[in-house]
């Protein structure tokens, strides 16, 4: 491949990497929201302080012989229905959380290689790369923000692209 094609391919990899990192941040936030929701549902179920069994029976104590009827009161039916709804919602929320955590693991696996490459960079190089590929700033704007010349920004970016190409065996 020509040098320009390699550069373009590496830049595409970096743009996708930072897009995946933003997506991961949103997913972590959603997991946190789901965990809070799960805790609220558990609290709602727990605060009812009721254990309802399927064979609830109303007992009539007015007679000598205690008679048990199979009829459930409207209140009992309402409580049972509410708790069942909460349990269904809890189950659904757990499934959503598990699916989201699976997606997070997959994305973390996909981004881990670039993460490792970024760990070896200096603070200034990392800042330049993030501004260029995450924030999509121009070289001129990056130069102003990092208090260095545009040429330095271009050189550091090109060095990093070359480093990534070498590490990922892209030629």
Protein backbone atom coordinates (compact mmCIF):
# COMPACT_ATOMS: atom_id res chain seq x y z
CA UNK A 1 0.00 0.00 0.00
CA UNK A 2 1.09 3.53 -0.53
CA UNK A 3 1.99 5.64 2.45
CA UNK A 4 -1.16 7.78 2.08
CA UNK A 5 -3.39 4.68 2.01
CA UNK A 6 -1.74 3.34 5.15
CA UNK A 7 -2.19 6.71 6.86
CA UNK A 8 -5.86 6.77 5.88
CA UNK A 9 -6.38 3.22 7.15
CA UNK A 10 -4.73 4.02 10.51
CA UNK A 11 -6.75 7.22 10.85
CA UNK A 12 -9.94 5.23 10.21
CA UNK A 13 -8.89 2.78 12.93
CA UNK A 14 -8.31 5.67 15.36
CA UNK A 15 -11.63 7.36 14.56
CA UNK A 16 -13.44 4.03 15.12
CA UNK A 17 -11.49 3.45 18.33
CA UNK A 18 -12.56 6.77 19.83
CA UNK A 19 -16.15 6.24 18.66
CA UNK A 20 -16.15 2.89 20.45
CA UNK A 21 -14.71 4.52 23.59
CA UNK A 22 -17.54 7.09 23.60
CA UNK A 23 -19.99 4.25 23.13
CA UNK A 24 -18.42 2.42 26.07
CA UNK A 25 -18.85 5.49 28.26
CA UNK A 26 -22.55 5.64 27.38
CA UNK A 27 -22.91 1.92 28.11
CA UNK A 28 -21.25 2.27 31.52
CA UNK A 29 -23.69 5.05 32.28
CA UNK A 30 -26.65 2.87 31.22
CA UNK A 31 -25.38 0.00 33.41
CA UNK A 32 -25.27 2.37 36.35
CA UNK A 33 -28.83 3.50 35.64
CA UNK A 34 -29.99 -0.13 35.37
CA UNK A 35 -28.27 -1.03 38.65
CA UNK A 36 -30.06 1.85 40.37
CA UNK A 37 -33.34 0.70 38.87
CA UNK A 38 -32.74 -2.86 40.08
CA UNK A 39 -32.06 -1.59 43.60
CA UNK A 40 -35.25 0.49 43.56
CA UNK A 41 -37.31 -2.50 42.40
CA UNK A 42 -35.77 -4.76 45.06
CA UNK A 43 -36.49 -2.12 47.68
CA UNK A 44 -40.11 -1.85 46.48
CA UNK A 45 -40.54 -5.60 46.72
CA UNK A 46 -38.83 -5.77 50.11
CA UNK A 47 -40.77 -2.90 51.65
CA UNK A 48 -44.04 -4.67 51.00
CA UNK A 49 -43.00 -7.00 53.85
CA UNK A 50 -45.31 -9.65 52.51
CA UNK A 51 -44.70 -13.20 51.53
CA UNK A 52 -47.58 -14.27 49.43
CA UNK A 53 -48.08 -17.91 48.63
CA UNK A 54 -50.17 -19.24 45.80
CA UNK A 55 -52.45 -21.09 48.18
CA UNK A 56 -53.64 -18.15 50.29
CA UNK A 57 -56.91 -18.86 51.99
CA UNK A 58 -59.31 -16.66 53.86
CA UNK A 59 -60.17 -18.13 57.29
CA UNK A 60 -63.56 -17.64 58.89
CA UNK A 61 -63.21 -17.66 62.73
CA UNK A 62 -66.89 -16.91 63.50
CA UNK A 63 -67.93 -20.53 63.51
CA UNK A 64 -67.09 -23.40 65.77
CA UNK A 65 -65.60 -25.32 62.91
CA UNK A 66 -63.03 -23.13 61.20
CA UNK A 67 -63.79 -23.10 57.53
CA UNK A 68 -61.15 -22.36 54.95
CA UNK A 69 -62.27 -20.91 51.65
CA UNK A 70 -60.31 -20.81 48.44
CA UNK A 71 -61.45 -17.28 47.65
CA UNK A 72 -58.84 -14.56 47.60
CA UNK A 73 -59.81 -11.04 48.47
CA UNK A 74 -59.44 -8.16 46.06
CA UNK A 75 -56.62 -6.75 48.19
CA UNK A 76 -54.73 -10.03 48.10
CA UNK A 77 -55.15 -10.24 44.33
CA UNK A 78 -53.95 -6.67 43.96
CA UNK A 79 -50.86 -7.26 46.11
CA UNK A 80 -50.03 -10.49 44.31
CA UNK A 81 -50.42 -8.79 40.95
CA UNK A 82 -48.24 -5.84 41.99
CA UNK A 83 -45.47 -8.05 43.29
CA UNK A 84 -45.56 -10.24 40.18
CA UNK A 85 -45.30 -7.13 38.03
CA UNK A 86 -42.31 -5.94 40.05
CA UNK A 87 -40.67 -9.36 39.75
CA UNK A 88 -41.19 -9.36 35.97
CA UNK A 89 -39.75 -5.87 35.74
CA UNK A 90 -36.79 -6.93 37.89
CA UNK A 91 -36.16 -9.95 35.69
CA UNK A 92 -36.39 -7.86 32.51
CA UNK A 93 -34.01 -5.24 33.92
CA UNK A 94 -31.51 -7.94 34.94
CA UNK A 95 -31.58 -9.35 31.40
CA UNK A 96 -30.99 -5.89 29.93
CA UNK A 97 -28.05 -5.34 32.29
CA UNK A 98 -26.49 -8.70 31.41
CA UNK A 99 -26.83 -8.07 27.67
CA UNK A 100 -25.30 -4.63 28.08
CA UNK A 101 -22.37 -6.02 30.07
CA UNK A 102 -21.75 -8.57 27.30
CA UNK A 103 -21.64 -5.75 24.74
CA UNK A 104 -19.27 -3.82 27.01
CA UNK A 105 -16.90 -6.80 27.24
CA UNK A 106 -16.93 -7.20 23.47
CA UNK A 107 -16.17 -3.52 22.90
CA UNK A 108 -13.43 -3.53 25.54
CA UNK A 109 -11.86 -6.49 23.78
CA UNK A 110 -11.97 -4.65 20.45
CA UNK A 111 -10.39 -1.50 21.91
CA UNK A 112 -7.79 -3.17 24.11
CA UNK A 113 -5.09 -3.31 21.44
CA UNK A 114 -5.19 0.45 20.81
CA UNK A 115 -5.50 1.06 24.58
CA UNK A 116 -2.20 -0.73 25.09
CA UNK A 117 -0.54 1.31 22.34
CA UNK A 118 -1.80 4.56 23.87
CA UNK A 119 -0.37 3.66 27.28
CA UNK A 120 3.16 4.05 25.95
CA UNK A 121 2.62 7.65 24.83
CA UNK A 122 3.63 10.85 26.55
CA UNK A 123 0.93 13.13 27.95
CA UNK A 124 1.34 15.65 25.12
CA UNK A 125 1.16 12.97 22.41
CA UNK A 126 -1.93 11.48 23.99
CA UNK A 127 -3.54 14.91 24.21
CA UNK A 128 -2.82 15.60 20.53
CA UNK A 129 -4.18 12.22 19.41
CA UNK A 130 -7.35 12.62 21.48
CA UNK A 131 -7.97 16.13 20.16
CA UNK A 132 -7.39 15.01 16.59
CA UNK A 133 -9.36 11.75 16.52
CA UNK A 134 -11.79 12.04 19.42
CA UNK A 135 -12.67 15.72 19.35
CA UNK A 136 -11.88 16.06 15.61
CA UNK A 137 -10.00 19.32 16.01
CA UNK A 138 -7.88 20.73 13.20
CA UNK A 139 -4.10 20.79 13.51
CA UNK A 140 -4.19 24.59 13.87
CA UNK A 141 -6.66 24.43 16.77
CA UNK A 142 -4.69 21.64 18.45
CA UNK A 143 -1.51 23.73 18.13
CA UNK A 144 -3.19 26.69 19.82
CA UNK A 145 -4.60 24.56 22.64
CA UNK A 146 -1.34 22.69 23.33
CA UNK A 147 0.86 25.78 22.91
CA UNK A 148 3.06 24.24 20.25
CA UNK A 149 3.48 24.76 16.51
CA UNK A 150 1.23 23.23 13.88
CA UNK A 151 4.29 21.50 12.46
CA UNK A 152 4.89 19.79 15.83
CA UNK A 153 1.29 18.63 15.91
CA UNK A 154 1.58 17.19 12.38
CA UNK A 155 4.91 15.54 13.20
CA UNK A 156 3.62 13.93 16.43
CA UNK A 157 0.47 12.73 14.67
CA UNK A 158 2.49 11.28 11.79
CA UNK A 159 4.91 9.60 14.21
CA UNK A 160 2.01 8.02 16.06
CA UNK A 161 0.38 6.82 12.83
CA UNK A 162 3.70 5.27 11.81
CA UNK A 163 4.04 3.67 15.24
CA UNK A 164 0.53 2.20 15.06
CA UNK A 165 1.10 0.90 11.52
CA UNK A 166 4.27 -0.82 12.67
CA UNK A 167 2.67 -2.30 15.81
CA UNK A 168 -0.44 -3.52 13.97
CA UNK A 169 1.63 -4.82 11.02
CA UNK A 170 -0.22 -2.70 8.49
CA UNK A 171 1.71 -2.19 5.30
